[in-house]
Each structure stands twice: as structure tokens, then as C-alpha cells.
């Protein structure tokens, strides 16, 4: 079942990482090397960004696929996760301090397509890659979209966990709530990964509001159909 989900994730990223022939994901050796290299660089970037923010006393937490990867690696060193972005939860009021902390790393604060981000220097990145290589921000305690069921977690209340690589990431419970709130296809796959390694506890499920609990039950049903199919 995990192989099926990995294949599906690769299909979603095929424009950057691979191609599909006759319904089968084709990943050339060079492409696989590119994916591994990119993920290593992304993990290194998460560490450097998190350490710079921590040194400046800026509350933060890595979220998204990189946070999922961190939790998977804590229980399975062979866990895989393909993600293209580095997403970080910060307080809107701390953006100036964060900008000063990340300036030595070459990042500058910008809004890219309406999304707050720290972007790399122009001379170090092609225009089409600048958004992907940016550090994307999510404002703590605020809704990402007006229609969201819940706002993003408050950093004053959400505990952070140190990843095996050394970056601060959101704990599983709050990360789960964010994934169920966003509920895009990749969020559902992330939830499935957390479920598979039994990182979602009964206590976490019981603490979910009814709307998010129903979404989790939907993921469970879909995952069971996928297993039987």
C-alpha cells in the first residue's frame, strides 16, 4: 500500500522529477539522484533556517511535508517523503525579526503570488525556481484561507518537536489538525503516512472537532478501500 502511495506522489511531481508511461511511473536513475539530492538540500535548508530563527529568539515551527518527514523518521529511519517546499509557521508580528535572522542566509521577505515568503537571491536561482526554493510562511493563529475550518495553530500553545536532523517542527497533533483543515490530496497522503506508522493516537482523534474527525474517518475509509483494491 505504501508503494502505491509513493507512486502516486511521484506522479504528482512528475513535471519536476519523472514521467509516466502507460500508467507506470518511470524514474530514470539520474532523476532519482536528483530527487535524493533535492531532499537532502531541503532538509539542510530546514536545519539552517530553523537554527537561525532559534538563535534570534523567533518562535517558529516547520510544518507541511518536512514536518511529516521528521515524525516518520523518528519511528522509521527508512521512511520516505517527497516534498517540494519548506513551510514554516511564524507569528505575523515576528516577520521583521525573522527577516533579520534569515538575511545572512541570503533570504529576503517578499509576497509571492499573495503568499508571504523568504525568497533566495535572484542571482542564485532562476525565476521559475525562486518560489519553490523560497521559505513559505504561514501565520500562526490565523486562517490560511477564509473558508478554513480552523486557524493555524498558535505558537504560544503548540509544542514543537526537534526533528532527527535538528529543525523545530510542529507536533503530530497540531500537524494533523492542519492537514485535515487544508485537506488537499497531498494532505490526505500525509495523514495516511502518519496513520500507517501509528502516529495518530486515539487521544488525538478524540480531541478533534466533529468536522475534522469526519474527515479523518473519510481518510480511513478511503485507505481501507485502497488496501482491499
C-alpha atoms as a PDB file:
ATOM      1  CA  UNK A   1       0.000   0.000   0.000  1.00  0.00           C
ATOM      2  CA  UNK A   2       2.883   2.355   0.787  1.00  0.00           C
ATOM      3  CA  UNK A   3       4.342   1.622  -2.648  1.00  0.00           C
ATOM      4  CA  UNK A   4       1.063   2.691  -4.264  1.00  0.00           C
ATOM      5  CA  UNK A   5       1.084   5.980  -2.380  1.00  0.00           C
ATOM      6  CA  UNK A   6       4.721   6.636  -3.242  1.00  0.00           C
ATOM      7  CA  UNK A   7       3.942   6.040  -6.911  1.00  0.00           C
ATOM      8  CA  UNK A   8       1.015   8.441  -6.662  1.00  0.00           C
ATOM      9  CA  UNK A   9       3.198  11.106  -5.054  1.00  0.00           C
ATOM     10  CA  UNK A  10       5.785  10.738  -7.781  1.00  0.00           C
ATOM     11  CA  UNK A  11       3.058  11.088 -10.407  1.00  0.00           C
ATOM     12  CA  UNK A  12       2.055  14.381  -8.846  1.00  0.00           C
ATOM     13  CA  UNK A  13       5.635  15.617  -9.056  1.00  0.00           C
ATOM     14  CA  UNK A  14       6.442  14.154 -12.464  1.00  0.00           C
ATOM     15  CA  UNK A  15       6.885  17.562 -14.071  1.00  0.00           C
ATOM     16  CA  UNK A  16       9.949  18.028 -11.902  1.00  0.00           C
ATOM     17  CA  UNK A  17      11.041  14.505 -11.091  1.00  0.00           C
ATOM     18  CA  UNK A  18       9.867  11.923 -13.598  1.00  0.00           C
ATOM     19  CA  UNK A  19       7.467  10.805 -16.297  1.00  0.00           C
ATOM     20  CA  UNK A  20       4.567   8.404 -16.712  1.00  0.00           C
ATOM     21  CA  UNK A  21       4.479   5.789 -19.471  1.00  0.00           C
ATOM     22  CA  UNK A  22       1.418   3.565 -19.949  1.00  0.00           C
ATOM     23  CA  UNK A  23       0.237   4.358 -16.431  1.00  0.00           C
ATOM     24  CA  UNK A  24       3.554   3.333 -14.871  1.00  0.00           C
ATOM     25  CA  UNK A  25       5.794   5.792 -13.092  1.00  0.00           C
ATOM     26  CA  UNK A  26       9.173   5.876 -14.801  1.00  0.00           C
ATOM     27  CA  UNK A  27      12.050   7.270 -12.778  1.00  0.00           C
ATOM     28  CA  UNK A  28      15.427   7.236 -14.503  1.00  0.00           C
ATOM     29  CA  UNK A  29      18.491   6.792 -12.350  1.00  0.00           C
ATOM     30  CA  UNK A  30      19.542  10.387 -12.902  1.00  0.00           C
ATOM     31  CA  UNK A  31      16.090  11.588 -11.870  1.00  0.00           C
ATOM     32  CA  UNK A  32      16.170   9.521  -8.704  1.00  0.00           C
ATOM     33  CA  UNK A  33      19.560  11.022  -7.885  1.00  0.00           C
ATOM     34  CA  UNK A  34      18.088  14.484  -8.431  1.00  0.00           C
ATOM     35  CA  UNK A  35      15.218  13.739  -6.048  1.00  0.00           C
ATOM     36  CA  UNK A  36      17.563  12.451  -3.356  1.00  0.00           C
ATOM     37  CA  UNK A  37      19.870  15.419  -3.801  1.00  0.00           C
ATOM     38  CA  UNK A  38      16.963  17.866  -3.659  1.00  0.00           C
ATOM     39  CA  UNK A  39      15.569  16.289  -0.490  1.00  0.00           C
ATOM     40  CA  UNK A  40      18.994  16.417   1.164  1.00  0.00           C
ATOM     41  CA  UNK A  41      19.291  20.107   0.296  1.00  0.00           C
ATOM     42  CA  UNK A  42      15.748  20.767   1.539  1.00  0.00           C
ATOM     43  CA  UNK A  43      16.480  19.069   4.855  1.00  0.00           C
ATOM     44  CA  UNK A  44      19.698  21.074   5.189  1.00  0.00           C
ATOM     45  CA  UNK A  45      17.778  24.282   4.451  1.00  0.00           C
ATOM     46  CA  UNK A  46      15.206  23.420   7.114  1.00  0.00           C
ATOM     47  CA  UNK A  47      18.010  22.995   9.644  1.00  0.00           C
ATOM     48  CA  UNK A  48      19.786  26.257   8.749  1.00  0.00           C
ATOM     49  CA  UNK A  49      16.550  28.280   8.717  1.00  0.00           C
ATOM     50  CA  UNK A  50      15.307  26.805  11.999  1.00  0.00           C
ATOM     51  CA  UNK A  51      18.637  27.328  13.732  1.00  0.00           C
ATOM     52  CA  UNK A  52      18.858  30.936  12.535  1.00  0.00           C
ATOM     53  CA  UNK A  53      15.341  31.690  13.795  1.00  0.00           C
ATOM     54  CA  UNK A  54      16.007  29.960  17.115  1.00  0.00           C
ATOM     55  CA  UNK A  55      19.258  31.904  17.602  1.00  0.00           C
ATOM     56  CA  UNK A  56      17.311  35.136  17.074  1.00  0.00           C
ATOM     57  CA  UNK A  57      14.643  34.059  19.562  1.00  0.00           C
ATOM     58  CA  UNK A  58      11.914  33.882  16.903  1.00  0.00           C
ATOM     59  CA  UNK A  59       9.196  31.322  17.766  1.00  0.00           C
ATOM     60  CA  UNK A  60       8.621  29.051  14.785  1.00  0.00           C
ATOM     61  CA  UNK A  61       7.848  25.522  13.652  1.00  0.00           C
ATOM     62  CA  UNK A  62       8.468  23.732  10.369  1.00  0.00           C
ATOM     63  CA  UNK A  63       5.163  22.369   9.060  1.00  0.00           C
ATOM     64  CA  UNK A  64       3.941  20.627   5.892  1.00  0.00           C
ATOM     65  CA  UNK A  65       5.726  17.711   4.275  1.00  0.00           C
ATOM     66  CA  UNK A  66       9.023  18.392   6.046  1.00  0.00           C
ATOM     67  CA  UNK A  67       7.305  18.114   9.439  1.00  0.00           C
ATOM     68  CA  UNK A  68       5.625  14.878   8.344  1.00  0.00           C
ATOM     69  CA  UNK A  69       9.019  13.539   7.265  1.00  0.00           C
ATOM     70  CA  UNK A  70      10.526  14.428  10.639  1.00  0.00           C
ATOM     71  CA  UNK A  71       7.875  12.453  12.528  1.00  0.00           C
ATOM     72  CA  UNK A  72       8.124   9.478  10.174  1.00  0.00           C
ATOM     73  CA  UNK A  73      11.898   9.343  10.604  1.00  0.00           C
ATOM     74  CA  UNK A  74      11.549   9.281  14.390  1.00  0.00           C
ATOM     75  CA  UNK A  75       9.967   5.832  14.175  1.00  0.00           C
ATOM     76  CA  UNK A  76      11.285   4.557  10.830  1.00  0.00           C
ATOM     77  CA  UNK A  77      14.743   5.617   9.648  1.00  0.00           C
ATOM     78  CA  UNK A  78      13.931   4.266   6.174  1.00  0.00           C
ATOM     79  CA  UNK A  79      10.798   6.414   5.827  1.00  0.00           C
ATOM     80  CA  UNK A  80      10.459   8.350   2.575  1.00  0.00           C
ATOM     81  CA  UNK A  81       8.730  11.616   1.837  1.00  0.00           C
ATOM     82  CA  UNK A  82       8.864  13.586  -1.381  1.00  0.00           C
ATOM     83  CA  UNK A  83       8.011  17.233  -0.900  1.00  0.00           C
ATOM     84  CA  UNK A  84       8.997  20.338  -2.808  1.00  0.00           C
ATOM     85  CA  UNK A  85       8.527  23.112  -0.266  1.00  0.00           C
ATOM     86  CA  UNK A  86       9.748  24.324   3.083  1.00  0.00           C
ATOM     87  CA  UNK A  87       6.795  25.737   5.053  1.00  0.00           C
ATOM     88  CA  UNK A  88       7.334  27.480   8.382  1.00  0.00           C
ATOM     89  CA  UNK A  89       4.787  28.640  10.961  1.00  0.00           C
ATOM     90  CA  UNK A  90       5.643  32.051  12.470  1.00  0.00           C
ATOM     91  CA  UNK A  91       3.858  34.915  14.168  1.00  0.00           C
ATOM     92  CA  UNK A  92       2.994  37.736  11.794  1.00  0.00           C
ATOM     93  CA  UNK A  93       4.361  40.170  14.404  1.00  0.00           C
ATOM     94  CA  UNK A  94       7.765  38.463  14.243  1.00  0.00           C
ATOM     95  CA  UNK A  95       8.291  38.808  10.492  1.00  0.00           C
ATOM     96  CA  UNK A  96      10.784  41.694  10.824  1.00  0.00           C
ATOM     97  CA  UNK A  97      12.878  39.800  13.347  1.00  0.00           C
ATOM     98  CA  UNK A  98      12.688  36.702  11.171  1.00  0.00           C
ATOM     99  CA  UNK A  99      13.823  38.741   8.173  1.00  0.00           C
ATOM    100  CA  UNK A 100      16.894  39.947  10.070  1.00  0.00           C
ATOM    101  CA  UNK A 101      17.656  36.410  11.226  1.00  0.00           C
ATOM    102  CA  UNK A 102      17.484  34.982   7.695  1.00  0.00           C
ATOM    103  CA  UNK A 103      19.228  37.857   5.937  1.00  0.00           C
ATOM    104  CA  UNK A 104      22.703  36.313   6.454  1.00  0.00           C
ATOM    105  CA  UNK A 105      21.417  33.155   4.705  1.00  0.00           C
ATOM    106  CA  UNK A 106      20.548  35.236   1.644  1.00  0.00           C
ATOM    107  CA  UNK A 107      16.763  35.321   2.076  1.00  0.00           C
ATOM    108  CA  UNK A 108      14.641  38.445   1.638  1.00  0.00           C
ATOM    109  CA  UNK A 109      10.990  38.830   2.634  1.00  0.00           C
ATOM    110  CA  UNK A 110       8.522  39.093  -0.254  1.00  0.00           C
ATOM    111  CA  UNK A 111       4.923  38.210  -1.061  1.00  0.00           C
ATOM    112  CA  UNK A 112       4.965  35.765  -3.970  1.00  0.00           C
ATOM    113  CA  UNK A 113       1.566  35.278  -5.627  1.00  0.00           C
ATOM    114  CA  UNK A 114      -0.003  36.538  -2.421  1.00  0.00           C
ATOM    115  CA  UNK A 115       1.943  34.085  -0.255  1.00  0.00           C
ATOM    116  CA  UNK A 116       4.370  35.511   2.336  1.00  0.00           C
ATOM    117  CA  UNK A 117       7.808  34.026   1.810  1.00  0.00           C
ATOM    118  CA  UNK A 118      11.522  34.489   2.230  1.00  0.00           C
ATOM    119  CA  UNK A 119      12.980  34.219  -1.262  1.00  0.00           C
ATOM    120  CA  UNK A 120      16.567  33.435  -2.301  1.00  0.00           C
ATOM    121  CA  UNK A 121      18.728  35.971  -4.173  1.00  0.00           C
ATOM    122  CA  UNK A 122      17.939  36.381  -7.866  1.00  0.00           C
ATOM    123  CA  UNK A 123      21.486  35.538  -8.872  1.00  0.00           C
ATOM    124  CA  UNK A 124      21.286  32.188  -7.067  1.00  0.00           C
ATOM    125  CA  UNK A 125      18.002  30.993  -8.538  1.00  0.00           C
ATOM    126  CA  UNK A 126      16.174  31.057 -11.848  1.00  0.00           C
ATOM    127  CA  UNK A 127      12.800  32.872 -11.823  1.00  0.00           C
ATOM    128  CA  UNK A 128      10.809  29.635 -12.245  1.00  0.00           C
ATOM    129  CA  UNK A 129      12.593  28.061  -9.268  1.00  0.00           C
ATOM    130  CA  UNK A 130      12.528  31.021  -6.879  1.00  0.00           C
ATOM    131  CA  UNK A 131       9.087  30.255  -5.474  1.00  0.00           C
ATOM    132  CA  UNK A 132       9.883  26.566  -4.947  1.00  0.00           C
ATOM    133  CA  UNK A 133      13.177  27.425  -3.267  1.00  0.00           C
ATOM    134  CA  UNK A 134      11.603  30.055  -1.007  1.00  0.00           C
ATOM    135  CA  UNK A 135      10.749  29.582   2.643  1.00  0.00           C
ATOM    136  CA  UNK A 136       6.933  29.773   2.631  1.00  0.00           C
ATOM    137  CA  UNK A 137       5.315  31.309   5.697  1.00  0.00           C
ATOM    138  CA  UNK A 138       2.056  30.507   7.449  1.00  0.00           C
ATOM    139  CA  UNK A 139       0.866  32.980  10.070  1.00  0.00           C
ATOM    140  CA  UNK A 140       0.334  31.355  13.463  1.00  0.00           C
ATOM    141  CA  UNK A 141      -3.170  31.723  14.887  1.00  0.00           C
ATOM    142  CA  UNK A 142      -4.636  32.885  11.554  1.00  0.00           C
ATOM    143  CA  UNK A 143      -6.627  31.101   8.880  1.00  0.00           C
ATOM    144  CA  UNK A 144      -4.697  30.332   5.701  1.00  0.00           C
ATOM    145  CA  UNK A 145      -7.934  30.669   3.707  1.00  0.00           C
ATOM    146  CA  UNK A 146     -11.114  32.373   4.943  1.00  0.00           C
ATOM    147  CA  UNK A 147     -13.065  29.158   4.335  1.00  0.00           C
ATOM    148  CA  UNK A 148     -10.794  27.034   6.547  1.00  0.00           C
ATOM    149  CA  UNK A 149     -12.488  25.275   9.456  1.00  0.00           C
ATOM    150  CA  UNK A 150      -9.686  26.243  11.825  1.00  0.00           C
ATOM    151  CA  UNK A 151      -6.894  28.798  12.015  1.00  0.00           C
ATOM    152  CA  UNK A 152      -3.285  27.658  12.012  1.00  0.00           C
ATOM    153  CA  UNK A 153      -2.040  26.710  15.491  1.00  0.00           C
ATOM    154  CA  UNK A 154      -0.855  29.353  17.917  1.00  0.00           C
ATOM    155  CA  UNK A 155       2.857  29.053  18.652  1.00  0.00           C
ATOM    156  CA  UNK A 156       2.168  30.118  22.224  1.00  0.00           C
ATOM    157  CA  UNK A 157       0.168  26.913  22.718  1.00  0.00           C
ATOM    158  CA  UNK A 158       1.623  24.434  20.222  1.00  0.00           C
ATOM    159  CA  UNK A 159       4.653  22.456  21.398  1.00  0.00           C
ATOM    160  CA  UNK A 160       7.459  21.946  18.910  1.00  0.00           C
ATOM    161  CA  UNK A 161       9.477  18.777  18.414  1.00  0.00           C
ATOM    162  CA  UNK A 162      13.100  18.550  17.343  1.00  0.00           C
ATOM    163  CA  UNK A 163      13.489  16.566  14.126  1.00  0.00           C
ATOM    164  CA  UNK A 164      16.243  13.949  13.734  1.00  0.00           C
ATOM    165  CA  UNK A 165      18.014  16.487  11.502  1.00  0.00           C
ATOM    166  CA  UNK A 166      17.769  19.211  14.112  1.00  0.00           C
ATOM    167  CA  UNK A 167      14.984  21.568  12.998  1.00  0.00           C
ATOM    168  CA  UNK A 168      11.975  22.504  15.124  1.00  0.00           C
ATOM    169  CA  UNK A 169       8.697  21.159  13.769  1.00  0.00           C
ATOM    170  CA  UNK A 170       5.079  21.130  14.839  1.00  0.00           C
ATOM    171  CA  UNK A 171       3.935  18.220  16.989  1.00  0.00           C
ATOM    172  CA  UNK A 172       1.829  15.474  15.411  1.00  0.00           C
ATOM    173  CA  UNK A 173      -1.470  16.539  16.981  1.00  0.00           C
ATOM    174  CA  UNK A 174      -1.385  20.102  15.638  1.00  0.00           C
ATOM    175  CA  UNK A 175       0.107  18.965  12.357  1.00  0.00           C
ATOM    176  CA  UNK A 176      -2.787  16.521  11.937  1.00  0.00           C
ATOM    177  CA  UNK A 177      -5.313  19.299  12.523  1.00  0.00           C
ATOM    178  CA  UNK A 178      -3.589  21.460   9.908  1.00  0.00           C
ATOM    179  CA  UNK A 179      -3.609  18.618   7.379  1.00  0.00           C
ATOM    180  CA  UNK A 180      -7.281  17.842   7.964  1.00  0.00           C
ATOM    181  CA  UNK A 181      -8.129  21.539   7.723  1.00  0.00           C
ATOM    182  CA  UNK A 182      -6.344  22.015   4.398  1.00  0.00           C
ATOM    183  CA  UNK A 183      -7.424  18.579   3.129  1.00  0.00           C
ATOM    184  CA  UNK A 184      -5.836  18.718  -0.318  1.00  0.00           C
ATOM    185  CA  UNK A 185      -4.780  15.461  -1.926  1.00  0.00           C
ATOM    186  CA  UNK A 186      -1.216  15.744  -0.641  1.00  0.00           C
ATOM    187  CA  UNK A 187      -2.542  16.478   2.864  1.00  0.00           C
ATOM    188  CA  UNK A 188      -4.574  13.269   2.732  1.00  0.00           C
ATOM    189  CA  UNK A 189      -1.464  11.330   1.702  1.00  0.00           C
ATOM    190  CA  UNK A 190       0.411  12.895   4.639  1.00  0.00           C
ATOM    191  CA  UNK A 191      -2.361  11.784   7.010  1.00  0.00           C
ATOM    192  CA  UNK A 192      -2.156   8.269   5.556  1.00  0.00           C
ATOM    193  CA  UNK A 193       1.578   8.210   6.220  1.00  0.00           C
ATOM    194  CA  UNK A 194       1.044   9.233   9.851  1.00  0.00           C
ATOM    195  CA  UNK A 195      -1.682   6.615  10.195  1.00  0.00           C
ATOM    196  CA  UNK A 196       0.486   3.874   8.730  1.00  0.00           C
ATOM    197  CA  UNK A 197       3.200   4.373  11.342  1.00  0.00           C
ATOM    198  CA  UNK A 198       0.557   4.651  14.083  1.00  0.00           C
ATOM    199  CA  UNK A 199       1.493   8.201  14.999  1.00  0.00           C
ATOM    200  CA  UNK A 200      -2.157   9.263  15.297  1.00  0.00           C
ATOM    201  CA  UNK A 201      -3.403   8.214  18.716  1.00  0.00           C
ATOM    202  CA  UNK A 202      -6.953   7.664  19.953  1.00  0.00           C
ATOM    203  CA  UNK A 203      -6.497  10.666  22.230  1.00  0.00           C
ATOM    204  CA  UNK A 204      -5.656  12.864  19.230  1.00  0.00           C
ATOM    205  CA  UNK A 205      -8.713  11.600  17.373  1.00  0.00           C
ATOM    206  CA  UNK A 206     -10.976  12.239  20.369  1.00  0.00           C
ATOM    207  CA  UNK A 207      -9.726  15.814  20.592  1.00  0.00           C
ATOM    208  CA  UNK A 208     -10.671  16.679  17.023  1.00  0.00           C
ATOM    209  CA  UNK A 209     -13.766  18.812  16.371  1.00  0.00           C
ATOM    210  CA  UNK A 210     -16.584  16.894  14.623  1.00  0.00           C
ATOM    211  CA  UNK A 211     -15.830  18.260  11.133  1.00  0.00           C
ATOM    212  CA  UNK A 212     -12.162  17.270  11.258  1.00  0.00           C
ATOM    213  CA  UNK A 213     -12.955  13.916  12.872  1.00  0.00           C
ATOM    214  CA  UNK A 214     -15.286  13.133   9.975  1.00  0.00           C
ATOM    215  CA  UNK A 215     -12.516  13.992   7.512  1.00  0.00           C
ATOM    216  CA  UNK A 216     -10.183  11.614   9.337  1.00  0.00           C
ATOM    217  CA  UNK A 217     -12.820   8.875   9.165  1.00  0.00           C
ATOM    218  CA  UNK A 218     -13.118   9.528   5.451  1.00  0.00           C
ATOM    219  CA  UNK A 219      -9.357   9.061   5.060  1.00  0.00           C
ATOM    220  CA  UNK A 220      -9.607   5.794   6.980  1.00  0.00           C
ATOM    221  CA  UNK A 221     -12.401   4.536   4.740  1.00  0.00           C
ATOM    222  CA  UNK A 222     -10.583   5.511   1.565  1.00  0.00           C
ATOM    223  CA  UNK A 223      -7.356   3.918   2.829  1.00  0.00           C
ATOM    224  CA  UNK A 224      -9.178   0.667   3.590  1.00  0.00           C
ATOM    225  CA  UNK A 225     -10.721   0.627   0.103  1.00  0.00           C
ATOM    226  CA  UNK A 226      -7.287   1.246  -1.340  1.00  0.00           C
ATOM    227  CA  UNK A 227      -5.878  -1.656   0.670  1.00  0.00           C
ATOM    228  CA  UNK A 228      -8.624  -4.034  -0.444  1.00  0.00           C
ATOM    229  CA  UNK A 229      -8.412  -2.861  -4.059  1.00  0.00           C
END
